[in-house]
Amino acid sequence: MMKDFIRYILKENLPKKGILIKEGVEISEGLKYHKEYDLPLVENVFLPFSDEFFSLINETRGLWKNGLVQLCEDDEWLLKTDIGKTAMFEGDEVWLDIPFLDESELDEIGLHSSGVESFLEKIKENPEYIDKLGFNSLSDIKKYIHNNGIADWEELRSELKDLMNESKYNGKNVKLNSPFKTSGKLKKFAVYVKEPSGDIKMVKFGDPNNKPETKKNFRVRHKCDTKNDKTKAAYWACNISKYRKKLGIKS
């Protein structure tokens, strides 16, 4: 009975979710983020299979073994496994206790780790794409990839590909799928897009005489949820809010 009571008391004093770290202990930025937002280690904010992902686990394991952190039961269970450790298998160094799909399956859904790393490397080389993709930082992009499904990842990858593809329109280099303001009186914005045939065309959209009251319920009136064709003005009119900062739109 006394042993059960002690176990109960100890269990009640463990953090229910996040990580408790003793004062004065030096920790990484990743662990600081977990501490600040009360996130357990099992909700690792870094991209799975990345160096940062395993580094956070190993850092926490070291602190835990030295009695410098308190963890929830799920985190303690995780650190008792061999996750974050490596061993040799048939001549290759492999990560332990990490389930994985067959490489052919990973390639099929576009989530092979090398594909993700290549994508992020392109972002690092072209930081202007971070804002164009609708994010505030590279870390935000990593979290988006980590937290969202395959369809969202493929759409993001497709958007980057479009941004990086410069095409010619009437003899000049233009950026695809990147709206800009026009000087014309008939339409307020324009964007260069690639048609299924491979031809590049300019799509103009946005009424320059639009009054604030006409903007109300715009997406409902124009059934924006059904507009998926980037070669049509309706798609861009419905999705202009994604480019508000780039175009200097206040509301």
Foldseek 3Di string as FASTA:
>chain_A
DVVVVVVVVVQVPFDAAAKAFDPPDDDDPQNVVRVVVRHALVVRQFAPPDPSNLVVLVRVLVCVVVVGMGHHPVNVVVSVFQASHWDDDPRDIDGPPDDDDDVVVCVVLQNDPVSVVVQLVVCVVPVVVCVVLQHDDSSVVRNCVRPDDSVVVVVSSVVVVQQPDWDDDPRDTDRAPQKEADPDQAAGIKGWHADPVRDIDIEGHHHPPDDPVVPPCPCVVLVQVPDDDPVYRSVCVNVVVSCCVVHVNDD
